[in-house]
Amino acid sequence: MQRELEIVLTRQLASYLATPAFIVDPDGNLLFYNDPAEVLLGHRYDETGEMPAAEWATLFEPTDADGVPLPPDELPLLIALRTRRPAHREFWITGLDGARRHLVVTAMPLVGQAGRFLGAIALFWEGAGP
């Protein structure tokens, strides 16, 4: 499938960043996450591949600090998609390697030339935790 040029370039940029990045299309389908994100998510992107939002939004078992599961619509990336505005939140995930990690996530909508909505990107890092 051919992607918008801006998405191709965003993916290329993300592949060079040391900051973990996660890119989705306008429907929330995972398009890519970079090598630093693989460490936090506990799985290589090449092994995970593209997947719908309904799958990735629960796959990493996002929870609040008390371990209460977060509904997908409360995740920053899906908020940025829905509202087309930046979103930020701290939460916990259980990576596919079984490790529980505290993440700090900022998501932004991706808008291309002539205002075309292309999806969103989340940049995240591991927080210190409680």
Protein backbone atom coordinates (compact mmCIF):
# COMPACT_ATOMS: atom_id res chain seq x y z
CA MET A 1 0.00 0.00 0.00
CA GLN A 2 1.34 3.42 -0.94
CA ARG A 3 1.51 5.94 1.93
CA GLU A 4 1.28 9.71 1.91
CA LEU A 5 4.70 11.31 1.47
CA GLU A 6 4.44 13.02 4.85
CA ILE A 7 3.86 9.65 6.55
CA VAL A 8 6.83 8.12 4.76
CA LEU A 9 9.01 11.03 5.87
CA THR A 10 7.66 10.93 9.43
CA ARG A 11 8.44 7.23 9.62
CA GLN A 12 11.93 7.91 8.30
CA LEU A 13 12.46 10.67 10.87
CA ALA A 14 11.19 8.41 13.67
CA SER A 15 13.64 5.70 12.61
CA TYR A 16 16.52 8.13 13.27
CA LEU A 17 15.26 9.37 16.66
CA ALA A 18 16.47 8.12 20.04
CA THR A 19 13.03 9.14 21.38
CA PRO A 20 10.49 6.31 21.22
CA ALA A 21 7.82 7.08 18.58
CA PHE A 22 4.56 5.39 17.53
CA ILE A 23 2.74 6.42 14.30
CA VAL A 24 -0.89 5.71 13.36
CA ASP A 25 -3.09 6.51 10.37
CA PRO A 26 -6.38 8.50 10.57
CA ASP A 27 -8.27 5.35 11.59
CA GLY A 28 -5.82 4.63 14.41
CA ASN A 29 -4.14 1.72 12.67
CA LEU A 30 -0.53 1.28 13.78
CA LEU A 31 1.82 2.12 10.92
CA PHE A 32 5.18 2.03 12.68
CA TYR A 33 7.10 2.27 15.93
CA ASN A 34 10.84 2.83 16.09
CA ASP A 35 13.67 0.87 17.72
CA PRO A 36 13.63 2.86 20.99
CA ALA A 37 9.89 2.16 21.28
CA GLU A 38 10.59 -1.55 20.78
CA VAL A 39 12.57 -1.55 24.03
CA LEU A 40 9.66 -0.06 26.01
CA LEU A 41 6.96 -2.09 24.29
CA GLY A 42 8.93 -5.30 24.70
CA HIS A 43 8.65 -6.42 21.08
CA ARG A 44 10.22 -5.61 17.72
CA TYR A 45 8.02 -3.78 15.20
CA ASP A 46 9.08 -6.27 12.51
CA GLU A 47 7.45 -9.00 14.60
CA THR A 48 4.35 -6.97 15.51
CA GLY A 49 3.69 -5.17 12.23
CA GLU A 50 0.71 -2.99 11.40
CA MET A 51 -2.42 -3.55 13.48
CA PRO A 52 -5.77 -1.87 14.14
CA ALA A 53 -6.25 0.48 17.08
CA ALA A 54 -8.63 -1.95 18.78
CA GLU A 55 -5.74 -4.40 19.02
CA TRP A 56 -2.74 -2.21 19.94
CA ALA A 57 -4.73 -0.04 22.39
CA THR A 58 -5.23 -3.06 24.67
CA LEU A 59 -2.27 -5.27 23.68
CA PHE A 60 0.12 -3.40 25.99
CA GLU A 61 -2.41 -3.42 28.86
CA PRO A 62 -2.45 0.33 29.66
CA THR A 63 -3.42 1.12 33.27
CA ASP A 64 -3.39 4.00 35.70
CA ALA A 65 -0.96 4.00 38.65
CA ASP A 66 -3.38 1.84 40.67
CA GLY A 67 -3.51 -0.84 37.97
CA VAL A 68 -7.01 0.11 36.76
CA PRO A 69 -7.22 -0.55 32.99
CA LEU A 70 -7.48 2.57 30.83
CA PRO A 71 -10.15 2.56 28.14
CA PRO A 72 -8.62 3.04 24.68
CA ASP A 73 -10.35 6.42 24.25
CA GLU A 74 -8.30 7.76 27.20
CA LEU A 75 -4.94 7.07 25.53
CA PRO A 76 -3.20 10.24 24.24
CA LEU A 77 -2.76 8.89 20.71
CA LEU A 78 -6.45 8.13 20.30
CA ILE A 79 -7.38 11.48 21.89
CA ALA A 80 -5.14 13.26 19.36
CA LEU A 81 -6.86 11.34 16.55
CA ARG A 82 -10.35 12.07 17.82
CA THR A 83 -9.88 15.75 18.69
CA ARG A 84 -7.10 16.57 16.22
CA ARG A 85 -5.33 18.31 19.09
CA PRO A 86 -2.24 17.35 21.11
CA ALA A 87 -2.77 15.15 24.17
CA HIS A 88 -0.50 14.18 27.05
CA ARG A 89 -0.74 11.61 29.84
CA GLU A 90 1.26 9.38 32.13
CA PHE A 91 0.23 5.74 32.50
CA TRP A 92 1.57 2.23 32.91
CA ILE A 93 1.84 -0.57 30.37
CA THR A 94 2.86 -4.18 30.47
CA GLY A 95 5.20 -4.73 27.55
CA LEU A 96 5.03 -7.86 25.47
CA ASP A 97 8.15 -8.95 27.38
CA GLY A 98 6.05 -8.98 30.58
CA ALA A 99 7.75 -5.91 32.12
CA ARG A 100 5.55 -3.22 33.66
CA ARG A 101 6.66 0.28 32.70
CA HIS A 102 5.62 3.81 33.59
CA LEU A 103 5.30 5.89 30.40
CA VAL A 104 4.96 9.60 29.79
CA VAL A 105 3.28 10.10 26.39
CA THR A 106 2.65 13.15 24.23
CA ALA A 107 0.65 12.66 21.04
CA MET A 108 0.11 15.10 18.19
CA PRO A 109 -2.07 14.95 15.10
CA LEU A 110 -0.22 14.77 11.78
CA VAL A 111 -1.50 17.30 9.26
CA GLY A 112 -0.09 17.29 5.75
CA GLN A 113 -0.06 19.76 2.91
CA ALA A 114 -3.33 21.59 2.30
CA GLY A 115 -4.58 20.54 5.73
CA ARG A 116 -4.89 16.81 4.97
CA PHE A 117 -5.31 14.84 8.18
CA LEU A 118 -2.83 11.96 8.06
CA GLY A 119 -3.03 10.40 11.51
CA ALA A 120 -1.01 11.01 14.66
CA ILE A 121 2.33 10.42 16.29
CA ALA A 122 3.07 9.67 19.93
CA LEU A 123 6.44 10.39 21.48
CA PHE A 124 7.03 8.71 24.81
CA TRP A 125 9.63 7.87 27.36
CA GLU A 126 9.88 5.82 30.48
CA GLY A 127 8.95 7.76 33.59
CA ALA A 128 10.47 7.34 37.02
CA GLY A 129 7.34 5.69 38.40
CA PRO A 130 6.01 6.04 41.96
